[in-house]
Amino acid sequence: MGGFRRILVGWDGSRDAEHALRAAAHLASELGAELVVLGVLKRQRHVEALDEAEEDVADRRRRVVGEIAAFARRAGVPWSESSRGETIVADDVATALEEYARRHGFDVLVVGRHGLDRALHPRIGRVTEHEVRRSPCPVLVVGAD
């Protein structure tokens, strides 16, 4: 595990994502690794004006990054110069997370076992299943229960 220098966490605000962030932050702290928490915003197709869409995306990005930072503070998650929250906009969350990990050369991806759609996927979430099967790097799956 000493080779993990760059750790990516998938964030959707769920309880499992919170546990994934705690585990990843602990791992990053132990290894002196960079920690990036990535929120993937689903592209909204119903927005009529382009300016509205850009403003809406900027608001959503700020809200998600603020949510990540607030949770980290509340949970006592070590947050340092090598930690940051980011967001991207995509049509498919699972594919976007996979491509982001590949494009930016992460050594490990940490995801929650379930996302916000837990009722639809009772054992393992759709995004988590996709990442376990297709991620370019090892995947650590963390559950709240």
Protein backbone atom coordinates (compact mmCIF):
# COMPACT_ATOMS: atom_id res chain seq x y z
CA MET A 1 0.00 0.00 0.00
CA GLY A 2 3.02 2.27 0.23
CA GLY A 3 2.78 3.00 -3.49
CA PHE A 4 -0.45 4.98 -3.17
CA ARG A 5 0.60 8.60 -3.70
CA ARG A 6 -2.65 9.92 -5.25
CA ILE A 7 -6.03 8.94 -3.80
CA LEU A 8 -9.36 9.77 -5.43
CA VAL A 9 -12.67 9.63 -3.54
CA GLY A 10 -16.03 9.59 -5.31
CA TRP A 11 -18.49 11.91 -3.52
CA ASP A 12 -22.28 12.00 -3.69
CA GLY A 13 -23.08 13.12 -0.15
CA SER A 14 -24.37 9.70 0.96
CA ARG A 15 -23.46 8.07 4.29
CA ASP A 16 -21.27 5.58 2.45
CA ALA A 17 -19.46 8.43 0.67
CA GLU A 18 -18.81 10.01 4.08
CA HIS A 19 -17.29 6.75 5.31
CA ALA A 20 -15.26 6.46 2.11
CA LEU A 21 -13.87 9.96 2.67
CA ARG A 22 -12.94 9.14 6.27
CA ALA A 23 -11.14 5.96 5.18
CA ALA A 24 -9.36 7.72 2.30
CA ALA A 25 -8.30 10.63 4.51
CA HIS A 26 -6.86 8.23 7.06
CA LEU A 27 -5.01 6.37 4.30
CA ALA A 28 -3.73 9.64 2.80
CA SER A 29 -2.55 10.81 6.21
CA GLU A 30 -0.71 7.55 6.90
CA LEU A 31 0.94 7.50 3.47
CA GLY A 32 1.51 11.23 2.99
CA ALA A 33 -0.58 10.95 -0.17
CA GLU A 34 -2.54 13.54 -2.13
CA LEU A 35 -6.30 13.29 -1.56
CA VAL A 36 -8.85 14.52 -4.10
CA VAL A 37 -12.58 14.26 -3.44
CA LEU A 38 -14.56 14.37 -6.67
CA GLY A 39 -18.23 15.19 -6.93
CA VAL A 40 -19.72 14.32 -10.33
CA LEU A 41 -22.68 16.55 -11.14
CA LYS A 42 -25.27 15.06 -13.48
CA ARG A 43 -25.71 17.23 -16.54
CA GLN A 44 -29.13 18.92 -16.52
CA ARG A 45 -30.67 18.92 -19.95
CA HIS A 46 -33.84 20.86 -19.14
CA VAL A 47 -32.17 24.26 -18.63
CA GLU A 48 -33.33 26.57 -21.41
CA ALA A 49 -30.75 29.35 -21.56
CA LEU A 50 -27.01 28.69 -21.74
CA ASP A 51 -26.25 31.51 -19.28
CA GLU A 52 -28.67 29.99 -16.78
CA ALA A 53 -27.02 26.61 -17.26
CA GLU A 54 -23.54 28.00 -16.59
CA GLU A 55 -24.75 29.88 -13.51
CA ASP A 56 -26.58 26.80 -12.23
CA VAL A 57 -23.49 24.62 -12.71
CA ALA A 58 -21.28 27.15 -10.90
CA ASP A 59 -23.75 27.21 -7.98
CA ARG A 60 -23.92 23.43 -7.88
CA ARG A 61 -20.11 23.18 -7.98
CA ARG A 62 -19.73 25.62 -5.07
CA ARG A 63 -22.40 23.80 -3.08
CA VAL A 64 -20.76 20.37 -3.54
CA VAL A 65 -17.24 21.59 -2.72
CA GLY A 66 -18.68 23.38 0.34
CA GLU A 67 -20.48 20.18 1.36
CA ILE A 68 -17.24 18.20 1.13
CA ALA A 69 -15.29 20.76 3.18
CA ALA A 70 -18.08 21.04 5.78
CA PHE A 71 -18.26 17.29 6.21
CA ALA A 72 -14.47 17.07 6.52
CA ARG A 73 -14.47 19.72 9.28
CA ARG A 74 -17.43 18.16 11.11
CA ALA A 75 -15.99 14.66 10.96
CA GLY A 76 -12.47 15.71 11.93
CA VAL A 77 -11.14 14.43 8.60
CA PRO A 78 -7.51 15.49 8.13
CA TRP A 79 -7.58 18.14 5.41
CA SER A 80 -4.24 19.55 4.31
CA GLU A 81 -2.55 21.31 1.43
CA SER A 82 -2.56 18.00 -0.42
CA SER A 83 -6.36 17.61 -0.06
CA ARG A 84 -8.99 19.22 -2.22
CA GLY A 85 -12.56 18.95 -3.38
CA GLU A 86 -13.37 19.11 -7.08
CA THR A 87 -16.42 18.74 -9.28
CA ILE A 88 -17.05 17.80 -12.87
CA VAL A 89 -20.24 17.72 -14.92
CA ALA A 90 -21.13 14.57 -16.86
CA ASP A 91 -24.00 12.56 -18.27
CA ASP A 92 -22.86 9.29 -16.65
CA VAL A 93 -21.38 9.45 -13.16
CA ALA A 94 -19.69 6.03 -13.29
CA THR A 95 -17.94 6.61 -16.61
CA ALA A 96 -16.90 10.14 -15.61
CA LEU A 97 -15.32 8.91 -12.37
CA GLU A 98 -13.47 6.15 -14.22
CA GLU A 99 -12.18 8.54 -16.90
CA TYR A 100 -11.14 11.16 -14.32
CA ALA A 101 -9.12 8.55 -12.39
CA ARG A 102 -7.45 7.40 -15.61
CA ARG A 103 -6.76 10.89 -17.01
CA HIS A 104 -5.24 12.18 -13.77
CA GLY A 105 -3.23 9.08 -12.85
CA PHE A 106 -4.68 8.17 -9.47
CA ASP A 107 -3.21 5.17 -7.65
CA VAL A 108 -6.41 4.16 -5.86
CA LEU A 109 -10.10 5.05 -6.03
CA VAL A 110 -12.17 5.01 -2.84
CA VAL A 111 -15.95 4.79 -3.21
CA GLY A 112 -18.92 4.13 -0.98
CA ARG A 113 -20.67 0.82 -1.35
CA HIS A 114 -24.00 2.52 -2.00
CA GLY A 115 -24.86 5.88 -3.44
CA LEU A 116 -27.95 7.97 -2.97
CA ASP A 117 -29.93 5.42 -5.02
CA ARG A 118 -29.51 2.76 -2.33
CA ALA A 119 -33.12 1.53 -2.55
CA LEU A 120 -32.63 0.61 -6.20
CA HIS A 121 -29.37 -1.29 -5.64
CA PRO A 122 -29.55 -2.91 -2.18
CA ARG A 123 -26.19 -4.77 -2.19
CA ILE A 124 -23.83 -2.56 -4.16
CA GLY A 125 -24.55 0.62 -6.06
CA ARG A 126 -24.46 0.87 -9.85
CA VAL A 127 -21.57 3.35 -9.85
CA THR A 128 -19.57 1.25 -7.40
CA GLU A 129 -20.13 -1.90 -9.44
CA HIS A 130 -18.97 -0.07 -12.59
CA GLU A 131 -15.80 1.16 -10.86
CA VAL A 132 -14.92 -2.25 -9.44
CA ARG A 133 -15.20 -3.73 -12.93
CA ARG A 134 -13.65 -0.94 -15.02
CA SER A 135 -11.46 1.34 -12.91
CA PRO A 136 -7.91 1.88 -14.18
CA CYS A 137 -6.63 1.59 -10.61
CA PRO A 138 -7.40 -0.47 -7.50
CA VAL A 139 -10.77 0.32 -5.88
CA LEU A 140 -11.42 0.42 -2.14
CA VAL A 141 -15.15 0.02 -1.43
CA VAL A 142 -16.32 1.34 1.95
CA GLY A 143 -19.77 0.90 3.49
CA ALA A 144 -21.49 2.68 6.35
CA ASP A 145 -22.98 -0.54 7.69
